[in-house]
Amino acid sequence: MPQLNTSTWFFTILLMLVSLFCVYQLKMLNQIMVSISPQDEKESLPPAQLPWEKKWTKIYLPHSSPLQS
C-alpha cells in the first residue's frame, strides 16, 4: 500500500488561509460602515411612551416579607 504524500499539505493549507483572508477583505471593501456615537443616538431618538409608564402599578411585597400596616 503506498503512503500518502503529505509534504505539500502545509503550503496548501497556508495558501487556503491567505486566499480566504483576501476574499474576506475584498468582501469588506464593499460594506458601508456606519459609526454612531452614543451621544448622537440619544439626541435623535424621541422619548419612548410605553403604556406601563402612564399608569400606576401596584408593587407587591415578596412572600417572605411580613406585612407592615
N, C-alpha and C. Protein backbone atom coordinates (compact mmCIF):
# COMPACT_ATOMS: atom_id res chain seq x y z
N MET A 1 0.85 -1.17 0.00
CA MET A 1 0.00 0.00 0.00
C MET A 1 0.90 1.25 0.00
N PRO A 2 0.67 2.17 -0.92
CA PRO A 2 1.52 3.36 -0.98
C PRO A 2 1.19 4.33 0.15
N GLN A 3 2.19 5.07 0.56
CA GLN A 3 1.99 6.05 1.62
C GLN A 3 1.46 7.36 1.02
N LEU A 4 0.73 8.09 1.87
CA LEU A 4 0.17 9.36 1.44
C LEU A 4 1.25 10.43 1.52
N ASN A 5 1.42 11.15 0.44
CA ASN A 5 2.42 12.21 0.41
C ASN A 5 1.83 13.47 1.06
N THR A 6 2.36 13.83 2.22
CA THR A 6 1.84 14.98 2.96
C THR A 6 2.78 16.18 2.91
N SER A 7 3.76 16.15 2.05
CA SER A 7 4.74 17.23 2.02
C SER A 7 4.14 18.55 1.53
N THR A 8 3.07 18.53 0.75
CA THR A 8 2.50 19.77 0.23
C THR A 8 1.33 20.28 1.06
N TRP A 9 0.95 19.57 2.10
CA TRP A 9 -0.20 19.98 2.88
C TRP A 9 0.00 21.33 3.55
N PHE A 10 1.18 21.57 4.07
CA PHE A 10 1.45 22.84 4.73
C PHE A 10 1.22 24.00 3.78
N PHE A 11 1.75 23.91 2.57
CA PHE A 11 1.60 25.00 1.61
C PHE A 11 0.15 25.12 1.13
N THR A 12 -0.52 24.01 1.01
CA THR A 12 -1.93 24.03 0.59
C THR A 12 -2.80 24.73 1.64
N ILE A 13 -2.60 24.37 2.88
CA ILE A 13 -3.38 24.98 3.97
C ILE A 13 -3.02 26.45 4.12
N LEU A 14 -1.75 26.76 4.01
CA LEU A 14 -1.33 28.15 4.12
C LEU A 14 -1.90 28.99 2.99
N LEU A 15 -1.87 28.49 1.78
CA LEU A 15 -2.43 29.20 0.64
C LEU A 15 -3.94 29.35 0.78
N MET A 16 -4.61 28.35 1.32
CA MET A 16 -6.05 28.44 1.54
C MET A 16 -6.38 29.55 2.54
N LEU A 17 -5.62 29.64 3.63
CA LEU A 17 -5.87 30.67 4.63
C LEU A 17 -5.61 32.07 4.07
N VAL A 18 -4.55 32.21 3.30
CA VAL A 18 -4.25 33.51 2.69
C VAL A 18 -5.34 33.90 1.71
N SER A 19 -5.80 32.96 0.92
CA SER A 19 -6.84 33.28 -0.06
C SER A 19 -8.17 33.60 0.64
N LEU A 20 -8.50 32.90 1.72
CA LEU A 20 -9.70 33.23 2.47
C LEU A 20 -9.62 34.62 3.08
N PHE A 21 -8.45 34.98 3.57
CA PHE A 21 -8.26 36.32 4.11
C PHE A 21 -8.46 37.37 3.02
N CYS A 22 -7.92 37.12 1.83
CA CYS A 22 -8.06 38.07 0.72
C CYS A 22 -9.51 38.21 0.29
N VAL A 23 -10.20 37.09 0.21
CA VAL A 23 -11.62 37.14 -0.17
C VAL A 23 -12.42 37.90 0.87
N TYR A 24 -12.14 37.68 2.14
CA TYR A 24 -12.84 38.39 3.21
C TYR A 24 -12.58 39.89 3.11
N GLN A 25 -11.35 40.26 2.86
CA GLN A 25 -11.01 41.69 2.75
C GLN A 25 -11.72 42.31 1.55
N LEU A 26 -11.79 41.60 0.45
CA LEU A 26 -12.48 42.13 -0.72
C LEU A 26 -13.98 42.28 -0.46
N LYS A 27 -14.54 41.36 0.28
CA LYS A 27 -15.96 41.46 0.62
C LYS A 27 -16.20 42.67 1.53
N MET A 28 -15.28 42.90 2.46
CA MET A 28 -15.47 44.00 3.40
C MET A 28 -15.27 45.36 2.75
N LEU A 29 -14.58 45.43 1.62
CA LEU A 29 -14.42 46.69 0.93
C LEU A 29 -15.76 47.24 0.44
N ASN A 30 -16.69 46.36 0.12
CA ASN A 30 -17.98 46.79 -0.41
C ASN A 30 -18.99 47.14 0.68
N GLN A 31 -18.65 46.89 1.93
CA GLN A 31 -19.58 47.17 3.01
C GLN A 31 -19.48 48.63 3.42
N ILE A 32 -20.62 49.20 3.81
CA ILE A 32 -20.66 50.58 4.29
C ILE A 32 -20.64 50.52 5.81
N MET A 33 -19.64 51.11 6.40
CA MET A 33 -19.51 51.11 7.85
C MET A 33 -20.11 52.41 8.39
N VAL A 34 -21.04 52.27 9.31
CA VAL A 34 -21.69 53.42 9.90
C VAL A 34 -21.25 53.50 11.35
N SER A 35 -20.72 54.64 11.72
CA SER A 35 -20.34 54.82 13.12
C SER A 35 -21.28 55.84 13.74
N ILE A 36 -21.93 55.42 14.80
CA ILE A 36 -22.86 56.28 15.52
C ILE A 36 -22.35 56.42 16.94
N SER A 37 -22.12 57.65 17.34
CA SER A 37 -21.68 57.85 18.72
C SER A 37 -22.91 57.78 19.63
N PRO A 38 -22.77 57.33 20.86
CA PRO A 38 -23.92 57.21 21.76
C PRO A 38 -24.62 58.54 22.01
N GLN A 39 -23.88 59.63 21.99
CA GLN A 39 -24.48 60.94 22.25
C GLN A 39 -25.42 61.32 21.11
N ASP A 40 -25.03 61.09 19.86
CA ASP A 40 -25.89 61.41 18.73
C ASP A 40 -27.15 60.55 18.73
N GLU A 41 -27.02 59.32 19.15
CA GLU A 41 -28.16 58.41 19.15
C GLU A 41 -29.20 58.85 20.18
N LYS A 42 -28.75 59.33 21.33
CA LYS A 42 -29.69 59.75 22.37
C LYS A 42 -30.44 61.01 21.93
N GLU A 43 -29.77 61.91 21.24
CA GLU A 43 -30.42 63.15 20.83
C GLU A 43 -31.41 62.92 19.69
N SER A 44 -31.18 61.96 18.83
CA SER A 44 -32.03 61.77 17.67
C SER A 44 -33.28 60.96 17.99
N LEU A 45 -33.28 60.16 19.05
CA LEU A 45 -34.43 59.33 19.36
C LEU A 45 -35.41 60.08 20.26
N PRO A 46 -36.71 60.04 19.94
CA PRO A 46 -37.69 60.67 20.83
C PRO A 46 -37.86 59.82 22.09
N PRO A 47 -38.30 60.42 23.18
CA PRO A 47 -38.51 59.62 24.39
C PRO A 47 -39.62 58.60 24.16
N ALA A 48 -39.42 57.42 24.68
CA ALA A 48 -40.38 56.34 24.46
C ALA A 48 -41.60 56.54 25.36
N GLN A 49 -42.77 56.40 24.79
CA GLN A 49 -44.02 56.45 25.55
C GLN A 49 -44.57 55.03 25.63
N LEU A 50 -44.28 54.38 26.73
CA LEU A 50 -44.70 53.00 26.92
C LEU A 50 -45.99 52.97 27.74
N PRO A 51 -46.87 52.03 27.47
CA PRO A 51 -48.16 52.01 28.18
C PRO A 51 -48.03 51.90 29.69
N TRP A 52 -47.01 51.14 30.15
CA TRP A 52 -46.89 50.96 31.60
C TRP A 52 -46.27 52.17 32.29
N GLU A 53 -45.76 53.15 31.56
CA GLU A 53 -45.24 54.36 32.18
C GLU A 53 -46.36 55.34 32.49
N LYS A 54 -47.51 55.20 31.84
CA LYS A 54 -48.61 56.15 32.01
C LYS A 54 -49.50 55.82 33.20
N LYS A 55 -49.54 54.56 33.63
CA LYS A 55 -50.46 54.19 34.69
C LYS A 55 -49.71 53.67 35.91
N TRP A 56 -50.36 53.76 37.06
CA TRP A 56 -49.78 53.31 38.31
C TRP A 56 -49.90 51.81 38.40
N THR A 57 -48.86 51.17 38.82
CA THR A 57 -48.91 49.73 39.04
C THR A 57 -48.58 49.43 40.49
N LYS A 58 -49.28 48.48 41.04
CA LYS A 58 -49.07 48.12 42.44
C LYS A 58 -47.86 47.21 42.54
N ILE A 59 -46.99 47.50 43.51
CA ILE A 59 -45.82 46.67 43.76
C ILE A 59 -46.11 45.82 44.99
N TYR A 60 -46.07 44.53 44.82
CA TYR A 60 -46.38 43.61 45.90
C TYR A 60 -45.12 43.27 46.69
N LEU A 61 -45.34 42.97 47.97
CA LEU A 61 -44.24 42.55 48.82
C LEU A 61 -43.85 41.12 48.48
N PRO A 62 -42.59 40.77 48.62
CA PRO A 62 -42.21 39.36 48.44
C PRO A 62 -42.90 38.49 49.48
N HIS A 63 -43.03 37.21 49.23
CA HIS A 63 -43.73 36.30 50.12
C HIS A 63 -43.04 36.18 51.47
N SER A 64 -41.74 36.40 51.51
CA SER A 64 -41.04 36.22 52.78
C SER A 64 -41.09 37.46 53.67
N SER A 65 -41.57 38.59 53.16
CA SER A 65 -41.62 39.81 53.94
C SER A 65 -42.91 39.87 54.76
N PRO A 66 -42.81 40.33 56.02
CA PRO A 66 -44.04 40.48 56.81
C PRO A 66 -44.81 41.72 56.35
N LEU A 67 -46.11 41.69 56.53
CA LEU A 67 -46.92 42.87 56.17
C LEU A 67 -46.67 43.98 57.16
N GLN A 68 -46.53 45.18 56.66
CA GLN A 68 -46.32 46.34 57.54
C GLN A 68 -47.52 47.23 57.38
N SER A 69 -48.32 47.34 58.44
CA SER A 69 -49.54 48.15 58.36
C SER A 69 -49.45 49.31 59.31
